Amino acid sequence: MAARISYHHFKLAINDYLDKNRRPISTSSASTESKLGAHLLSNRWRVITSSPTPFQSNSAPLDHLSRTFSLPLPLGYQRQTIDPILSQLSAGIIPSEYQEPAQTQEARQLVTVDQSILWSPTWQVPVLHFSASWQDGSPLSLTELLESPVFVRSTAFDPTSVSQDPGESCDLPQISQGEHPVTGRPSWFLHPCHTAELLSQILGAPNPDPELLPILESDRRKRPGSEYIEAFMMMLSSDVQMRVE
């Protein structure tokens, strides 16, 4: 199975992935623990077929995975001291009144996380786009994001090195920022420059030259299914919180 795939095969794979994980888990199986782990990775995902928008590079619908969930913060987690009005304005929210930090202390115990997995036409692989916000709607800063439970191992990323170009190559795992391909809203994403290489290691697959993709696409027996998305979820889960109750 190739690590780089076409959009057509990505669409088939995400639907296979959800179909497989909708099935009940048998508690009599010896591998119940691993199945439950995979089930947590698949929770709340749904396939979204977006209508063409000005933010898309073409006029075709763009099927992708999407989910939203609340993530509790550990006790003692401190939000950065930022003027709430400036923070809300940066998120495009017009606050009705100024709120002192102490007034929103209870709301800060949860953050809302939006995740979506889309296919990259540049890199021919899936890409995780995500954002996190406080309950007042203001986004987490990069420092807050890296220190929050949104990341399992924030030391994998260099917060001083943030790419703005999803087509730009990178040397290390890197968080990039740009417009969400469907919504056009500010979004973080894990730069996909090493995704094909890592998926090749997980799947034991070759990492073919993009020129070979038409040949691979012609062979339906090699099309990726649920195992391809499972491998991508496993790859993400070493750095990003992907297990959702």
C-alpha atoms as a PDB file:
ATOM      1  CA  MET A   1       0.000   0.000   0.000  1.00  0.00           C
ATOM      2  CA  ALA A   2       1.372   3.390  -0.994  1.00  0.00           C
ATOM      3  CA  ALA A   3       1.887   6.082   1.638  1.00  0.00           C
ATOM      4  CA  ARG A   4       0.940   8.829  -0.809  1.00  0.00           C
ATOM      5  CA  ILE A   5      -2.626   8.538  -2.061  1.00  0.00           C
ATOM      6  CA  SER A   6      -5.076  10.293  -4.349  1.00  0.00           C
ATOM      7  CA  TYR A   7      -8.082  12.249  -3.109  1.00  0.00           C
ATOM      8  CA  HIS A   8     -10.352   9.511  -4.494  1.00  0.00           C
ATOM      9  CA  HIS A   9      -8.619   6.891  -2.377  1.00  0.00           C
ATOM     10  CA  PHE A  10      -8.562   9.208   0.650  1.00  0.00           C
ATOM     11  CA  LYS A  11     -12.340   9.564   0.362  1.00  0.00           C
ATOM     12  CA  LEU A  12     -12.771   5.782   0.198  1.00  0.00           C
ATOM     13  CA  ALA A  13     -10.417   5.282   3.159  1.00  0.00           C
ATOM     14  CA  ILE A  14     -12.161   7.710   5.532  1.00  0.00           C
ATOM     15  CA  ASN A  15     -15.534   6.103   4.802  1.00  0.00           C
ATOM     16  CA  ASP A  16     -14.073   2.613   5.321  1.00  0.00           C
ATOM     17  CA  TYR A  17     -12.565   3.814   8.601  1.00  0.00           C
ATOM     18  CA  LEU A  18     -15.874   5.084   9.974  1.00  0.00           C
ATOM     19  CA  ASP A  19     -17.804   2.040   8.758  1.00  0.00           C
ATOM     20  CA  LYS A  20     -15.355  -0.280  10.509  1.00  0.00           C
ATOM     21  CA  ASN A  21     -15.436   1.620  13.794  1.00  0.00           C
ATOM     22  CA  ARG A  22     -19.235   1.798  13.925  1.00  0.00           C
ATOM     23  CA  ARG A  23     -19.293  -1.943  14.593  1.00  0.00           C
ATOM     24  CA  PRO A  24     -19.761  -3.080  18.233  1.00  0.00           C
ATOM     25  CA  ILE A  25     -16.626  -4.111  20.147  1.00  0.00           C
ATOM     26  CA  SER A  26     -16.628  -7.709  21.346  1.00  0.00           C
ATOM     27  CA  THR A  27     -15.571  -7.843  25.010  1.00  0.00           C
ATOM     28  CA  SER A  28     -14.716 -11.542  24.656  1.00  0.00           C
ATOM     29  CA  SER A  29     -11.806 -10.840  22.340  1.00  0.00           C
ATOM     30  CA  ALA A  30      -8.264 -11.169  23.663  1.00  0.00           C
ATOM     31  CA  SER A  31      -7.371  -7.901  21.963  1.00  0.00           C
ATOM     32  CA  THR A  32     -10.198  -5.893  23.556  1.00  0.00           C
ATOM     33  CA  GLU A  33      -7.778  -3.344  25.045  1.00  0.00           C
ATOM     34  CA  SER A  34      -6.215  -2.534  21.680  1.00  0.00           C
ATOM     35  CA  LYS A  35      -9.659  -2.388  20.057  1.00  0.00           C
ATOM     36  CA  LEU A  36     -10.859   0.030  22.716  1.00  0.00           C
ATOM     37  CA  GLY A  37      -7.792   2.199  22.057  1.00  0.00           C
ATOM     38  CA  ALA A  38      -8.611   2.287  18.351  1.00  0.00           C
ATOM     39  CA  HIS A  39     -12.237   3.006  19.202  1.00  0.00           C
ATOM     40  CA  LEU A  40     -11.221   6.042  21.269  1.00  0.00           C
ATOM     41  CA  LEU A  41      -9.209   7.326  18.309  1.00  0.00           C
ATOM     42  CA  SER A  42     -12.295   7.051  16.102  1.00  0.00           C
ATOM     43  CA  ASN A  43     -14.845   8.613  18.475  1.00  0.00           C
ATOM     44  CA  ARG A  44     -16.973  11.519  17.224  1.00  0.00           C
ATOM     45  CA  TRP A  45     -15.468  11.655  13.745  1.00  0.00           C
ATOM     46  CA  ARG A  46     -17.905  12.203  10.909  1.00  0.00           C
ATOM     47  CA  VAL A  47     -17.448  12.649   7.198  1.00  0.00           C
ATOM     48  CA  ILE A  48     -18.253  16.155   6.024  1.00  0.00           C
ATOM     49  CA  THR A  49     -18.950  16.899   2.365  1.00  0.00           C
ATOM     50  CA  SER A  50     -18.383  20.600   2.034  1.00  0.00           C
ATOM     51  CA  SER A  51     -19.956  22.778  -0.608  1.00  0.00           C
ATOM     52  CA  PRO A  52     -17.467  24.653  -2.792  1.00  0.00           C
ATOM     53  CA  THR A  53     -16.194  27.791  -1.062  1.00  0.00           C
ATOM     54  CA  PRO A  54     -13.881  30.664  -2.065  1.00  0.00           C
ATOM     55  CA  PHE A  55     -11.214  29.121   0.203  1.00  0.00           C
ATOM     56  CA  GLN A  56     -10.922  25.918  -1.826  1.00  0.00           C
ATOM     57  CA  SER A  57      -8.399  25.702  -4.640  1.00  0.00           C
ATOM     58  CA  ASN A  58     -10.981  24.036  -6.893  1.00  0.00           C
ATOM     59  CA  SER A  59     -14.752  23.971  -7.200  1.00  0.00           C
ATOM     60  CA  ALA A  60     -15.203  20.288  -6.316  1.00  0.00           C
ATOM     61  CA  PRO A  61     -16.705  19.211  -2.975  1.00  0.00           C
ATOM     62  CA  LEU A  62     -14.073  18.317  -0.393  1.00  0.00           C
ATOM     63  CA  ASP A  63     -14.909  15.309   1.780  1.00  0.00           C
ATOM     64  CA  HIS A  64     -13.016  15.204   5.056  1.00  0.00           C
ATOM     65  CA  LEU A  65     -13.225  14.003   8.659  1.00  0.00           C
ATOM     66  CA  SER A  66     -14.288  16.474  11.324  1.00  0.00           C
ATOM     67  CA  ARG A  67     -15.073  16.465  15.053  1.00  0.00           C
ATOM     68  CA  THR A  68     -15.429  18.829  18.023  1.00  0.00           C
ATOM     69  CA  PHE A  69     -14.917  17.895  21.664  1.00  0.00           C
ATOM     70  CA  SER A  70     -14.251  19.450  25.060  1.00  0.00           C
ATOM     71  CA  LEU A  71     -10.947  18.767  26.772  1.00  0.00           C
ATOM     72  CA  PRO A  72     -10.569  19.249  30.542  1.00  0.00           C
ATOM     73  CA  LEU A  73      -7.497  21.095  31.756  1.00  0.00           C
ATOM     74  CA  PRO A  74      -5.428  19.831  34.691  1.00  0.00           C
ATOM     75  CA  LEU A  75      -5.832  21.471  38.070  1.00  0.00           C
ATOM     76  CA  GLY A  76      -3.556  24.460  38.450  1.00  0.00           C
ATOM     77  CA  TYR A  77      -3.342  25.141  34.710  1.00  0.00           C
ATOM     78  CA  GLN A  78      -2.957  28.895  34.305  1.00  0.00           C
ATOM     79  CA  ARG A  79      -4.169  30.827  31.319  1.00  0.00           C
ATOM     80  CA  GLN A  80      -1.798  33.475  30.050  1.00  0.00           C
ATOM     81  CA  THR A  81      -2.647  36.999  31.207  1.00  0.00           C
ATOM     82  CA  ILE A  82      -4.154  38.481  28.065  1.00  0.00           C
ATOM     83  CA  ASP A  83      -6.727  41.241  27.819  1.00  0.00           C
ATOM     84  CA  PRO A  84      -9.936  39.285  27.066  1.00  0.00           C
ATOM     85  CA  ILE A  85     -11.204  41.944  24.661  1.00  0.00           C
ATOM     86  CA  LEU A  86      -8.012  41.872  22.571  1.00  0.00           C
ATOM     87  CA  SER A  87      -8.045  38.081  22.611  1.00  0.00           C
ATOM     88  CA  GLN A  88     -11.653  37.946  21.449  1.00  0.00           C
ATOM     89  CA  LEU A  89     -11.093  40.581  18.797  1.00  0.00           C
ATOM     90  CA  SER A  90      -8.186  38.533  17.421  1.00  0.00           C
ATOM     91  CA  ALA A  91     -10.639  35.649  17.008  1.00  0.00           C
ATOM     92  CA  GLY A  92     -13.126  37.868  15.179  1.00  0.00           C
ATOM     93  CA  ILE A  93     -15.463  38.046  18.195  1.00  0.00           C
ATOM     94  CA  ILE A  94     -16.920  41.373  19.323  1.00  0.00           C
ATOM     95  CA  PRO A  95     -17.245  41.154  23.133  1.00  0.00           C
ATOM     96  CA  SER A  96     -20.314  42.675  24.731  1.00  0.00           C
ATOM     97  CA  GLU A  97     -18.410  43.750  27.820  1.00  0.00           C
ATOM     98  CA  TYR A  98     -15.006  43.545  29.453  1.00  0.00           C
ATOM     99  CA  GLN A  99     -14.586  40.482  31.630  1.00  0.00           C
ATOM    100  CA  GLU A 100     -11.865  40.302  34.248  1.00  0.00           C
ATOM    101  CA  PRO A 101      -9.873  37.023  34.301  1.00  0.00           C
ATOM    102  CA  ALA A 102     -11.358  36.013  37.675  1.00  0.00           C
ATOM    103  CA  GLN A 103     -14.866  36.077  36.227  1.00  0.00           C
ATOM    104  CA  THR A 104     -14.087  33.375  33.672  1.00  0.00           C
ATOM    105  CA  GLN A 105     -12.006  31.128  35.927  1.00  0.00           C
ATOM    106  CA  GLU A 106     -14.627  28.357  35.930  1.00  0.00           C
ATOM    107  CA  ALA A 107     -14.999  28.421  32.127  1.00  0.00           C
ATOM    108  CA  ARG A 108     -11.254  28.011  31.680  1.00  0.00           C
ATOM    109  CA  GLN A 109     -11.364  24.481  33.060  1.00  0.00           C
ATOM    110  CA  LEU A 110     -12.414  23.271  29.609  1.00  0.00           C
ATOM    111  CA  VAL A 111     -11.189  24.053  26.123  1.00  0.00           C
ATOM    112  CA  THR A 112     -13.089  23.300  22.932  1.00  0.00           C
ATOM    113  CA  VAL A 113     -11.028  21.475  20.327  1.00  0.00           C
ATOM    114  CA  ASP A 114     -11.929  21.317  16.640  1.00  0.00           C
ATOM    115  CA  GLN A 115     -10.084  18.766  14.539  1.00  0.00           C
ATOM    116  CA  SER A 116     -10.396  17.969  10.860  1.00  0.00           C
ATOM    117  CA  ILE A 117      -8.451  15.669   8.570  1.00  0.00           C
ATOM    118  CA  LEU A 118      -8.205  16.738   4.947  1.00  0.00           C
ATOM    119  CA  TRP A 119      -6.270  15.508   1.953  1.00  0.00           C
ATOM    120  CA  SER A 120      -3.327  17.636   0.809  1.00  0.00           C
ATOM    121  CA  PRO A 121      -3.060  17.952  -2.982  1.00  0.00           C
ATOM    122  CA  THR A 122       0.536  19.155  -2.561  1.00  0.00           C
ATOM    123  CA  TRP A 123       1.805  16.297  -0.398  1.00  0.00           C
ATOM    124  CA  GLN A 124      -0.724  13.608  -1.430  1.00  0.00           C
ATOM    125  CA  VAL A 125      -1.329  12.648   2.224  1.00  0.00           C
ATOM    126  CA  PRO A 126      -3.862  13.449   4.977  1.00  0.00           C
ATOM    127  CA  VAL A 127      -3.281  16.555   7.098  1.00  0.00           C
ATOM    128  CA  LEU A 128      -4.622  17.274  10.585  1.00  0.00           C
ATOM    129  CA  HIS A 129      -6.031  20.799  10.987  1.00  0.00           C
ATOM    130  CA  PHE A 130      -7.046  21.890  14.467  1.00  0.00           C
ATOM    131  CA  SER A 131      -7.938  24.804  16.693  1.00  0.00           C
ATOM    132  CA  ALA A 132      -8.604  25.204  20.414  1.00  0.00           C
ATOM    133  CA  SER A 133     -10.571  27.911  22.182  1.00  0.00           C
ATOM    134  CA  TRP A 134     -11.606  28.927  25.667  1.00  0.00           C
ATOM    135  CA  GLN A 135     -15.271  28.829  26.549  1.00  0.00           C
ATOM    136  CA  ASP A 136     -15.506  32.582  25.966  1.00  0.00           C
ATOM    137  CA  GLY A 137     -14.610  31.876  22.318  1.00  0.00           C
ATOM    138  CA  SER A 138     -11.090  33.309  22.363  1.00  0.00           C
ATOM    139  CA  PRO A 139      -8.354  31.093  20.898  1.00  0.00           C
ATOM    140  CA  LEU A 140      -5.500  29.613  22.848  1.00  0.00           C
ATOM    141  CA  SER A 141      -2.166  31.225  22.105  1.00  0.00           C
ATOM    142  CA  LEU A 142       0.578  29.019  20.695  1.00  0.00           C
ATOM    143  CA  THR A 143       2.272  28.841  24.108  1.00  0.00           C
ATOM    144  CA  GLU A 144      -1.010  27.933  25.807  1.00  0.00           C
ATOM    145  CA  LEU A 145      -1.687  25.341  23.122  1.00  0.00           C
ATOM    146  CA  LEU A 146       1.694  23.651  23.512  1.00  0.00           C
ATOM    147  CA  GLU A 147       1.349  23.570  27.307  1.00  0.00           C
ATOM    148  CA  SER A 148      -2.216  22.257  27.229  1.00  0.00           C
ATOM    149  CA  PRO A 149      -3.419  18.627  27.020  1.00  0.00           C
ATOM    150  CA  VAL A 150      -4.159  19.237  23.332  1.00  0.00           C
ATOM    151  CA  PHE A 151      -0.623  17.920  22.893  1.00  0.00           C
ATOM    152  CA  VAL A 152       0.616  14.690  24.373  1.00  0.00           C
ATOM    153  CA  ARG A 153       4.264  15.596  23.919  1.00  0.00           C
ATOM    154  CA  SER A 154       4.678  19.285  23.196  1.00  0.00           C
ATOM    155  CA  THR A 155       8.500  19.005  23.245  1.00  0.00           C
ATOM    156  CA  ALA A 156       8.251  17.538  19.740  1.00  0.00           C
ATOM    157  CA  PHE A 157       7.506  21.010  18.430  1.00  0.00           C
ATOM    158  CA  ASP A 158       9.464  24.213  18.304  1.00  0.00           C
ATOM    159  CA  PRO A 159       7.042  27.070  19.097  1.00  0.00           C
ATOM    160  CA  THR A 160       9.534  29.592  17.698  1.00  0.00           C
ATOM    161  CA  SER A 161       9.378  27.952  14.269  1.00  0.00           C
ATOM    162  CA  VAL A 162       5.920  28.269  12.745  1.00  0.00           C
ATOM    163  CA  SER A 163       5.466  27.892   9.001  1.00  0.00           C
ATOM    164  CA  GLN A 164       2.770  29.804   7.148  1.00  0.00           C
ATOM    165  CA  ASP A 165       3.076  27.777   3.939  1.00  0.00           C
ATOM    166  CA  PRO A 166       1.657  24.220   3.775  1.00  0.00           C
ATOM    167  CA  GLY A 167       3.707  23.645   0.624  1.00  0.00           C
ATOM    168  CA  GLU A 168       6.978  24.601   2.274  1.00  0.00           C
ATOM    169  CA  SER A 169       9.367  21.838   3.294  1.00  0.00           C
ATOM    170  CA  CYS A 170      10.489  21.442   6.898  1.00  0.00           C
ATOM    171  CA  ASP A 171      13.308  19.684   8.716  1.00  0.00           C
ATOM    172  CA  LEU A 172      11.519  18.742  11.955  1.00  0.00           C
ATOM    173  CA  PRO A 173       7.929  17.985  13.046  1.00  0.00           C
ATOM    174  CA  GLN A 174       6.394  21.407  12.990  1.00  0.00           C
ATOM    175  CA  ILE A 175       3.167  23.211  13.728  1.00  0.00           C
ATOM    176  CA  SER A 176       2.096  25.447  10.876  1.00  0.00           C
ATOM    177  CA  GLN A 177      -0.614  28.078  10.719  1.00  0.00           C
ATOM    178  CA  GLY A 178      -2.857  29.133   7.874  1.00  0.00           C
ATOM    179  CA  GLU A 179      -6.437  29.323   6.670  1.00  0.00           C
ATOM    180  CA  HIS A 180      -8.528  26.204   7.017  1.00  0.00           C
ATOM    181  CA  PRO A 181      -9.015  24.872   3.451  1.00  0.00           C
ATOM    182  CA  VAL A 182     -12.807  24.653   3.890  1.00  0.00           C
ATOM    183  CA  THR A 183     -13.843  27.273   6.437  1.00  0.00           C
ATOM    184  CA  GLY A 184     -11.143  29.864   5.733  1.00  0.00           C
ATOM    185  CA  ARG A 185     -10.743  30.440   9.468  1.00  0.00           C
ATOM    186  CA  PRO A 186      -7.308  30.599  11.155  1.00  0.00           C
ATOM    187  CA  SER A 187      -6.177  27.073  11.866  1.00  0.00           C
ATOM    188  CA  TRP A 188      -3.135  25.187  13.071  1.00  0.00           C
ATOM    189  CA  PHE A 189      -1.998  22.080  11.234  1.00  0.00           C
ATOM    190  CA  LEU A 190       0.799  19.552  11.535  1.00  0.00           C
ATOM    191  CA  HIS A 191       3.099  20.140   8.605  1.00  0.00           C
ATOM    192  CA  PRO A 192       2.819  17.111   6.271  1.00  0.00           C
ATOM    193  CA  CYS A 193       6.379  17.088   4.955  1.00  0.00           C
ATOM    194  CA  HIS A 194       7.263  13.881   6.857  1.00  0.00           C
ATOM    195  CA  THR A 195       3.849  12.201   6.815  1.00  0.00           C
ATOM    196  CA  ALA A 196       4.488   9.900   3.834  1.00  0.00           C
ATOM    197  CA  GLU A 197       7.795   8.772   5.315  1.00  0.00           C
ATOM    198  CA  LEU A 198       6.248   8.001   8.725  1.00  0.00           C
ATOM    199  CA  LEU A 199       3.239   6.245   7.214  1.00  0.00           C
ATOM    200  CA  SER A 200       5.600   4.142   5.093  1.00  0.00           C
ATOM    201  CA  GLN A 201       7.306   2.959   8.274  1.00  0.00           C
ATOM    202  CA  ILE A 202       4.009   2.120   9.966  1.00  0.00           C
ATOM    203  CA  LEU A 203       2.436   0.420   6.955  1.00  0.00           C
ATOM    204  CA  GLY A 204       5.615  -1.117   5.587  1.00  0.00           C
ATOM    205  CA  ALA A 205       4.732   0.642   2.341  1.00  0.00           C
ATOM    206  CA  PRO A 206       6.917   2.145  -0.372  1.00  0.00           C
ATOM    207  CA  ASN A 207       7.121   5.919  -0.641  1.00  0.00           C
ATOM    208  CA  PRO A 208       6.668   6.330  -4.410  1.00  0.00           C
ATOM    209  CA  ASP A 209       7.436   9.278  -6.580  1.00  0.00           C
ATOM    210  CA  PRO A 210       4.254  11.319  -7.242  1.00  0.00           C
ATOM    211  CA  GLU A 211       4.631  10.516 -10.947  1.00  0.00           C
ATOM    212  CA  LEU A 212       3.809   6.879 -10.119  1.00  0.00           C
ATOM    213  CA  LEU A 213       0.480   7.755  -8.484  1.00  0.00           C
ATOM    214  CA  PRO A 214      -1.595   7.234 -11.682  1.00  0.00           C
ATOM    215  CA  ILE A 215      -0.173   3.698 -11.930  1.00  0.00           C
ATOM    216  CA  LEU A 216      -1.006   2.963  -8.295  1.00  0.00           C
ATOM    217  CA  GLU A 217      -4.487   4.416  -8.710  1.00  0.00           C
ATOM    218  CA  SER A 218      -5.165   2.037 -11.575  1.00  0.00           C
ATOM    219  CA  ASP A 219      -4.676  -0.941  -9.254  1.00  0.00           C
ATOM    220  CA  ARG A 220      -7.844  -1.152  -7.144  1.00  0.00           C
ATOM    221  CA  ARG A 221      -6.402  -4.053  -5.146  1.00  0.00           C
ATOM    222  CA  LYS A 222      -3.847  -1.687  -3.616  1.00  0.00           C
ATOM    223  CA  ARG A 223      -6.291   1.046  -2.648  1.00  0.00           C
ATOM    224  CA  PRO A 224      -5.961   2.111   0.992  1.00  0.00           C
ATOM    225  CA  GLY A 225      -8.794   1.315   3.365  1.00  0.00           C
ATOM    226  CA  SER A 226      -9.459   1.770   7.068  1.00  0.00           C
ATOM    227  CA  GLU A 227      -5.961   0.572   7.994  1.00  0.00           C
ATOM    228  CA  TYR A 228      -4.459   3.578   6.226  1.00  0.00           C
ATOM    229  CA  ILE A 229      -6.463   6.055   8.363  1.00  0.00           C
ATOM    230  CA  GLU A 230      -5.787   3.944  11.469  1.00  0.00           C
ATOM    231  CA  ALA A 231      -2.059   4.256  10.792  1.00  0.00           C
ATOM    232  CA  PHE A 232      -2.422   8.016  10.351  1.00  0.00           C
ATOM    233  CA  MET A 233      -4.327   8.280  13.667  1.00  0.00           C
ATOM    234  CA  MET A 234      -1.635   6.240  15.419  1.00  0.00           C
ATOM    235  CA  MET A 235       1.046   8.511  13.994  1.00  0.00           C
ATOM    236  CA  LEU A 236      -0.778  11.623  15.257  1.00  0.00           C
ATOM    237  CA  SER A 237      -1.528  10.195  18.693  1.00  0.00           C
ATOM    238  CA  SER A 238       2.142  10.215  19.709  1.00  0.00           C
ATOM    239  CA  ASP A 239       2.019  14.023  19.757  1.00  0.00           C
ATOM    240  CA  VAL A 240      -1.615  15.132  19.652  1.00  0.00           C
ATOM    241  CA  GLN A 241      -4.532  14.175  21.902  1.00  0.00           C
ATOM    242  CA  MET A 242      -6.527  11.957  19.571  1.00  0.00           C
ATOM    243  CA  ARG A 243      -8.256   9.682  22.112  1.00  0.00           C
ATOM    244  CA  VAL A 244     -11.704  11.046  22.873  1.00  0.00           C
ATOM    245  CA  GLU A 245     -14.212   9.470  25.260  1.00  0.00           C
END
